[in-house]
C-alpha atoms as a PDB file:
ATOM      1  CA  UNK A   1     -36.490 -12.945   4.864  1.00  0.00           C
ATOM      2  CA  UNK A   2     -34.846  -9.719   4.118  1.00  0.00           C
ATOM      3  CA  UNK A   3     -32.299  -8.753   6.845  1.00  0.00           C
ATOM      4  CA  UNK A   4     -31.059  -5.188   6.763  1.00  0.00           C
ATOM      5  CA  UNK A   5     -29.463  -2.521   8.856  1.00  0.00           C
ATOM      6  CA  UNK A   6     -31.428   0.704  10.171  1.00  0.00           C
ATOM      7  CA  UNK A   7     -29.783   3.733  11.149  1.00  0.00           C
ATOM      8  CA  UNK A   8     -30.200   4.920  14.741  1.00  0.00           C
ATOM      9  CA  UNK A   9     -28.279   7.936  15.382  1.00  0.00           C
ATOM     10  CA  UNK A  10     -24.596   6.903  15.359  1.00  0.00           C
ATOM     11  CA  UNK A  11     -25.135   3.312  15.451  1.00  0.00           C
ATOM     12  CA  UNK A  12     -27.424   0.680  13.733  1.00  0.00           C
ATOM     13  CA  UNK A  13     -30.371  -1.591  14.479  1.00  0.00           C
ATOM     14  CA  UNK A  14     -31.281  -4.779  12.842  1.00  0.00           C
ATOM     15  CA  UNK A  15     -34.541  -5.459  10.870  1.00  0.00           C
ATOM     16  CA  UNK A  16     -36.003  -8.729   9.509  1.00  0.00           C
ATOM     17  CA  UNK A  17     -38.925  -8.671   7.077  1.00  0.00           C
ATOM     18  CA  UNK A  18     -40.803 -11.589   6.085  1.00  0.00           C
ATOM     19  CA  UNK A  19     -44.178 -12.298   4.056  1.00  0.00           C
ATOM     20  CA  UNK A  20     -45.710 -15.510   6.020  1.00  0.00           C
ATOM     21  CA  UNK A  21     -48.559 -17.966   4.958  1.00  0.00           C
ATOM     22  CA  UNK A  22     -50.551 -18.000   8.142  1.00  0.00           C
ATOM     23  CA  UNK A  23     -51.198 -21.898   7.607  1.00  0.00           C
ATOM     24  CA  UNK A  24     -51.939 -22.361  11.192  1.00  0.00           C
ATOM     25  CA  UNK A  25     -54.772 -19.858  10.856  1.00  0.00           C
ATOM     26  CA  UNK A  26     -53.454 -17.809  14.132  1.00  0.00           C
ATOM     27  CA  UNK A  27     -55.887 -15.116  14.831  1.00  0.00           C
ATOM     28  CA  UNK A  28     -55.403 -11.610  16.248  1.00  0.00           C
ATOM     29  CA  UNK A  29     -55.120 -12.470  19.683  1.00  0.00           C
ATOM     30  CA  UNK A  30     -52.902 -15.414  19.081  1.00  0.00           C
ATOM     31  CA  UNK A  31     -50.488 -13.070  17.048  1.00  0.00           C
ATOM     32  CA  UNK A  32     -50.325 -10.388  19.435  1.00  0.00           C
ATOM     33  CA  UNK A  33     -49.314 -13.180  22.168  1.00  0.00           C
ATOM     34  CA  UNK A  34     -46.876 -14.550  19.832  1.00  0.00           C
ATOM     35  CA  UNK A  35     -45.218 -10.893  19.274  1.00  0.00           C
ATOM     36  CA  UNK A  36     -45.392 -10.480  23.298  1.00  0.00           C
ATOM     37  CA  UNK A  37     -43.235 -13.364  23.765  1.00  0.00           C
ATOM     38  CA  UNK A  38     -40.416 -11.890  21.986  1.00  0.00           C
ATOM     39  CA  UNK A  39     -40.305  -8.825  23.954  1.00  0.00           C
ATOM     40  CA  UNK A  40     -37.248  -9.529  25.960  1.00  0.00           C
ATOM     41  CA  UNK A  41     -35.166  -9.981  22.601  1.00  0.00           C
ATOM     42  CA  UNK A  42     -36.368  -7.234  20.242  1.00  0.00           C
ATOM     43  CA  UNK A  43     -37.457  -3.601  20.285  1.00  0.00           C
ATOM     44  CA  UNK A  44     -40.454  -4.227  18.179  1.00  0.00           C
ATOM     45  CA  UNK A  45     -42.439  -7.018  16.524  1.00  0.00           C
ATOM     46  CA  UNK A  46     -45.114  -6.005  14.076  1.00  0.00           C
ATOM     47  CA  UNK A  47     -47.756  -8.151  12.052  1.00  0.00           C
ATOM     48  CA  UNK A  48     -49.145  -6.269   9.114  1.00  0.00           C
ATOM     49  CA  UNK A  49     -51.729  -6.904   6.735  1.00  0.00           C
ATOM     50  CA  UNK A  50     -49.911  -7.603   3.230  1.00  0.00           C
ATOM     51  CA  UNK A  51     -52.577  -6.475   1.275  1.00  0.00           C
ATOM     52  CA  UNK A  52     -51.239  -2.878   0.673  1.00  0.00           C
ATOM     53  CA  UNK A  53     -47.640  -3.870   0.895  1.00  0.00           C
ATOM     54  CA  UNK A  54     -45.871  -3.192  -2.324  1.00  0.00           C
ATOM     55  CA  UNK A  55     -42.573  -4.689  -1.780  1.00  0.00           C
ATOM     56  CA  UNK A  56     -39.871  -5.288   0.721  1.00  0.00           C
ATOM     57  CA  UNK A  57     -38.454  -1.669   0.143  1.00  0.00           C
ATOM     58  CA  UNK A  58     -41.920  -0.195   1.429  1.00  0.00           C
ATOM     59  CA  UNK A  59     -41.811  -2.190   4.694  1.00  0.00           C
ATOM     60  CA  UNK A  60     -37.946  -1.095   5.116  1.00  0.00           C
ATOM     61  CA  UNK A  61     -38.661   2.330   4.584  1.00  0.00           C
ATOM     62  CA  UNK A  62     -41.608   2.209   7.047  1.00  0.00           C
ATOM     63  CA  UNK A  63     -39.159   0.540   9.649  1.00  0.00           C
ATOM     64  CA  UNK A  64     -36.460   3.113   9.146  1.00  0.00           C
ATOM     65  CA  UNK A  65     -38.951   6.074   9.481  1.00  0.00           C
ATOM     66  CA  UNK A  66     -40.433   4.568  12.552  1.00  0.00           C
ATOM     67  CA  UNK A  67     -37.232   4.065  14.081  1.00  0.00           C
ATOM     68  CA  UNK A  68     -36.572   7.853  13.327  1.00  0.00           C
ATOM     69  CA  UNK A  69     -39.469   8.772  14.763  1.00  0.00           C
ATOM     70  CA  UNK A  70     -39.423   6.722  18.040  1.00  0.00           C
ATOM     71  CA  UNK A  71     -35.615   7.695  18.870  1.00  0.00           C
ATOM     72  CA  UNK A  72     -36.256  11.215  17.487  1.00  0.00           C
ATOM     73  CA  UNK A  73     -38.925  11.963  20.067  1.00  0.00           C
ATOM     74  CA  UNK A  74     -41.615  12.727  17.347  1.00  0.00           C
ATOM     75  CA  UNK A  75     -43.585   9.418  17.316  1.00  0.00           C
ATOM     76  CA  UNK A  76     -47.431   9.732  17.506  1.00  0.00           C
ATOM     77  CA  UNK A  77     -47.804   6.267  19.175  1.00  0.00           C
ATOM     78  CA  UNK A  78     -46.837   4.668  22.664  1.00  0.00           C
ATOM     79  CA  UNK A  79     -44.927   1.879  20.796  1.00  0.00           C
ATOM     80  CA  UNK A  80     -42.440   1.150  17.994  1.00  0.00           C
ATOM     81  CA  UNK A  81     -44.477  -1.675  16.663  1.00  0.00           C
ATOM     82  CA  UNK A  82     -47.480   0.758  16.243  1.00  0.00           C
ATOM     83  CA  UNK A  83     -45.207   3.350  14.702  1.00  0.00           C
ATOM     84  CA  UNK A  84     -44.201   0.890  12.109  1.00  0.00           C
ATOM     85  CA  UNK A  85     -47.986   0.263  11.063  1.00  0.00           C
ATOM     86  CA  UNK A  86     -48.542   4.177  10.867  1.00  0.00           C
ATOM     87  CA  UNK A  87     -45.533   4.637   8.472  1.00  0.00           C
ATOM     88  CA  UNK A  88     -46.299   1.438   6.374  1.00  0.00           C
ATOM     89  CA  UNK A  89     -49.887   2.502   5.943  1.00  0.00           C
ATOM     90  CA  UNK A  90     -49.016   6.114   4.928  1.00  0.00           C
ATOM     91  CA  UNK A  91     -51.346   7.518   7.522  1.00  0.00           C
ATOM     92  CA  UNK A  92     -50.753   9.901  10.197  1.00  0.00           C
ATOM     93  CA  UNK A  93     -53.275   8.679  12.684  1.00  0.00           C
ATOM     94  CA  UNK A  94     -53.254   5.350  14.502  1.00  0.00           C
ATOM     95  CA  UNK A  95     -56.967   4.228  13.876  1.00  0.00           C
ATOM     96  CA  UNK A  96     -56.629   4.728  10.073  1.00  0.00           C
ATOM     97  CA  UNK A  97     -53.141   3.009  10.190  1.00  0.00           C
ATOM     98  CA  UNK A  98     -54.584   0.072  11.867  1.00  0.00           C
ATOM     99  CA  UNK A  99     -57.490   0.000   9.473  1.00  0.00           C
ATOM    100  CA  UNK A 100     -55.126  -0.277   6.689  1.00  0.00           C
ATOM    101  CA  UNK A 101     -52.386  -2.307   7.888  1.00  0.00           C
ATOM    102  CA  UNK A 102     -53.608  -4.220  11.021  1.00  0.00           C
ATOM    103  CA  UNK A 103     -54.175  -8.062  11.216  1.00  0.00           C
ATOM    104  CA  UNK A 104     -57.579  -9.466  11.562  1.00  0.00           C
ATOM    105  CA  UNK A 105     -58.706 -13.080  12.385  1.00  0.00           C
ATOM    106  CA  UNK A 106     -58.861 -15.457   9.321  1.00  0.00           C
ATOM    107  CA  UNK A 107     -55.984 -13.849   7.533  1.00  0.00           C
ATOM    108  CA  UNK A 108     -54.269 -16.314   5.141  1.00  0.00           C
ATOM    109  CA  UNK A 109     -50.998 -14.263   4.989  1.00  0.00           C
ATOM    110  CA  UNK A 110     -49.099 -11.865   7.163  1.00  0.00           C
ATOM    111  CA  UNK A 111     -46.151  -9.488   6.706  1.00  0.00           C
ATOM    112  CA  UNK A 112     -43.767  -9.486   9.690  1.00  0.00           C
ATOM    113  CA  UNK A 113     -41.289  -6.910  10.877  1.00  0.00           C
ATOM    114  CA  UNK A 114     -38.885  -7.554  13.610  1.00  0.00           C
ATOM    115  CA  UNK A 115     -36.579  -4.907  15.018  1.00  0.00           C
ATOM    116  CA  UNK A 116     -33.779  -5.802  17.206  1.00  0.00           C
ATOM    117  CA  UNK A 117     -30.102  -5.224  18.292  1.00  0.00           C
ATOM    118  CA  UNK A 118     -28.064  -7.941  16.260  1.00  0.00           C
ATOM    119  CA  UNK A 119     -28.836  -9.905  13.193  1.00  0.00           C
ATOM    120  CA  UNK A 120     -28.558 -13.397  14.718  1.00  0.00           C
ATOM    121  CA  UNK A 121     -31.263 -12.353  17.460  1.00  0.00           C
ATOM    122  CA  UNK A 122     -33.625 -10.731  14.838  1.00  0.00           C
ATOM    123  CA  UNK A 123     -33.216 -13.754  12.384  1.00  0.00           C
ATOM    124  CA  UNK A 124     -33.796 -16.180  15.352  1.00  0.00           C
ATOM    125  CA  UNK A 125     -37.068 -14.329  16.293  1.00  0.00           C
ATOM    126  CA  UNK A 126     -38.323 -14.378  12.589  1.00  0.00           C
ATOM    127  CA  UNK A 127     -37.487 -17.932  12.148  1.00  0.00           C
ATOM    128  CA  UNK A 128     -39.129 -18.917  15.278  1.00  0.00           C
ATOM    129  CA  UNK A 129     -42.390 -16.735  14.360  1.00  0.00           C
ATOM    130  CA  UNK A 130     -42.295 -18.522  10.991  1.00  0.00           C
ATOM    131  CA  UNK A 131     -42.454 -22.091  12.820  1.00  0.00           C
ATOM    132  CA  UNK A 132     -45.480 -20.832  14.693  1.00  0.00           C
ATOM    133  CA  UNK A 133     -47.392 -19.331  11.767  1.00  0.00           C
ATOM    134  CA  UNK A 134     -46.838 -21.495   8.697  1.00  0.00           C
ATOM    135  CA  UNK A 135     -44.393 -21.028   6.078  1.00  0.00           C
ATOM    136  CA  UNK A 136     -42.490 -18.004   4.438  1.00  0.00           C
ATOM    137  CA  UNK A 137     -43.869 -16.991   1.033  1.00  0.00           C
ATOM    138  CA  UNK A 138     -41.029 -16.753  -1.324  1.00  0.00           C
ATOM    139  CA  UNK A 139     -41.064 -14.358  -3.457  1.00  0.00           C
ATOM    140  CA  UNK A 140     -42.700 -12.229  -0.956  1.00  0.00           C
ATOM    141  CA  UNK A 141     -45.334  -9.418  -1.491  1.00  0.00           C
ATOM    142  CA  UNK A 142     -46.014 -10.672  -5.369  1.00  0.00           C
ATOM    143  CA  UNK A 143     -48.208  -8.000  -7.216  1.00  0.00           C
ATOM    144  CA  UNK A 144     -51.018  -8.798  -9.559  1.00  0.00           C
ATOM    145  CA  UNK A 145     -52.811  -6.188 -11.378  1.00  0.00           C
ATOM    146  CA  UNK A 146     -55.705  -5.863  -8.970  1.00  0.00           C
ATOM    147  CA  UNK A 147     -53.526  -5.308  -5.862  1.00  0.00           C
ATOM    148  CA  UNK A 148     -51.092  -3.033  -7.710  1.00  0.00           C
ATOM    149  CA  UNK A 149     -54.281  -0.745  -8.402  1.00  0.00           C
ATOM    150  CA  UNK A 150     -55.475  -0.971  -4.953  1.00  0.00           C
ATOM    151  CA  UNK A 151     -52.027   0.171  -3.658  1.00  0.00           C
ATOM    152  CA  UNK A 152     -51.971   3.082  -5.880  1.00  0.00           C
ATOM    153  CA  UNK A 153     -55.439   4.008  -4.771  1.00  0.00           C
ATOM    154  CA  UNK A 154     -54.711   3.707  -1.224  1.00  0.00           C
ATOM    155  CA  UNK A 155     -51.547   5.852  -1.470  1.00  0.00           C
ATOM    156  CA  UNK A 156     -52.991   8.116  -4.024  1.00  0.00           C
ATOM    157  CA  UNK A 157     -50.340   7.459  -6.661  1.00  0.00           C
ATOM    158  CA  UNK A 158     -51.460   8.351 -10.142  1.00  0.00           C
ATOM    159  CA  UNK A 159     -50.344   7.261 -13.580  1.00  0.00           C
ATOM    160  CA  UNK A 160     -48.286  10.577 -14.155  1.00  0.00           C
ATOM    161  CA  UNK A 161     -46.419   9.965 -10.826  1.00  0.00           C
ATOM    162  CA  UNK A 162     -45.620   6.367 -11.621  1.00  0.00           C
ATOM    163  CA  UNK A 163     -44.513   7.072 -15.105  1.00  0.00           C
ATOM    164  CA  UNK A 164     -42.277   9.770 -14.395  1.00  0.00           C
ATOM    165  CA  UNK A 165     -40.512   7.393 -11.839  1.00  0.00           C
ATOM    166  CA  UNK A 166     -40.517   4.440 -14.259  1.00  0.00           C
ATOM    167  CA  UNK A 167     -38.057   3.835 -16.858  1.00  0.00           C
ATOM    168  CA  UNK A 168     -40.415   1.884 -19.304  1.00  0.00           C
ATOM    169  CA  UNK A 169     -43.945   0.578 -19.273  1.00  0.00           C
ATOM    170  CA  UNK A 170     -42.697  -3.069 -18.612  1.00  0.00           C
ATOM    171  CA  UNK A 171     -44.552  -4.551 -15.769  1.00  0.00           C
ATOM    172  CA  UNK A 172     -41.197  -5.050 -13.907  1.00  0.00           C
ATOM    173  CA  UNK A 173     -40.423  -1.395 -14.297  1.00  0.00           C
ATOM    174  CA  UNK A 174     -43.794  -0.238 -13.173  1.00  0.00           C
ATOM    175  CA  UNK A 175     -43.474  -2.588 -10.121  1.00  0.00           C
ATOM    176  CA  UNK A 176     -40.210  -0.963  -9.227  1.00  0.00           C
ATOM    177  CA  UNK A 177     -41.685   2.670  -9.810  1.00  0.00           C
ATOM    178  CA  UNK A 178     -44.359   1.792  -7.406  1.00  0.00           C
ATOM    179  CA  UNK A 179     -42.011   0.666  -4.821  1.00  0.00           C
ATOM    180  CA  UNK A 180     -40.069   4.028  -4.969  1.00  0.00           C
ATOM    181  CA  UNK A 181     -43.270   5.928  -4.929  1.00  0.00           C
ATOM    182  CA  UNK A 182     -44.512   4.143  -1.755  1.00  0.00           C
ATOM    183  CA  UNK A 183     -41.148   4.550  -0.072  1.00  0.00           C
ATOM    184  CA  UNK A 184     -41.478   8.192  -0.800  1.00  0.00           C
ATOM    185  CA  UNK A 185     -45.008   8.282   0.515  1.00  0.00           C
ATOM    186  CA  UNK A 186     -44.015   6.465   3.548  1.00  0.00           C
ATOM    187  CA  UNK A 187     -41.082   9.143   4.430  1.00  0.00           C
ATOM    188  CA  UNK A 188     -43.684  12.001   3.914  1.00  0.00           C
ATOM    189  CA  UNK A 189     -45.652  10.853   7.006  1.00  0.00           C
ATOM    190  CA  UNK A 190     -42.701  12.125   9.142  1.00  0.00           C
ATOM    191  CA  UNK A 191     -42.770  15.696   7.439  1.00  0.00           C
ATOM    192  CA  UNK A 192     -46.496  15.936   8.438  1.00  0.00           C
ATOM    193  CA  UNK A 193     -46.321  14.954  11.733  1.00  0.00           C
END
């Protein structure tokens, strides 16, 4: 689980990010219900499809940009949770964002984003959701070649851009470069809204 701080004006919020194995095979309705149960303790709980998630930085950037939009008054959705999906997908509209990042019945793994006030609360909510869904995947969001290419295609990242960010052709350096490119794409959603 990744626990980080998000800027909210002059203060901070806390975010927990995890990649979960959905070994209990919870469907979309059960996941929505599970997220709703945490509402009194959190500002947002969002499950995402991990298929197009490059790394924790990708989700962290999406969460920060969603918080900026939500509290900055330029959000396109009526909920911080949906705003997270919009930024994570790199899309500007809710429908395409949920098509790309939304959960579906039968998913074997899930990405989880929890935003709240206080690291203890966020960690407690993430831990309770892990208990309800299965186990945490460690290391999270591992890329294979096919997934790497699929993410590049979805976010329209070409070889030239990737190589301009990478320090070498080493697979690890290329992975880091992809994460940086995605974080940039996620931030550009705000510019176009």
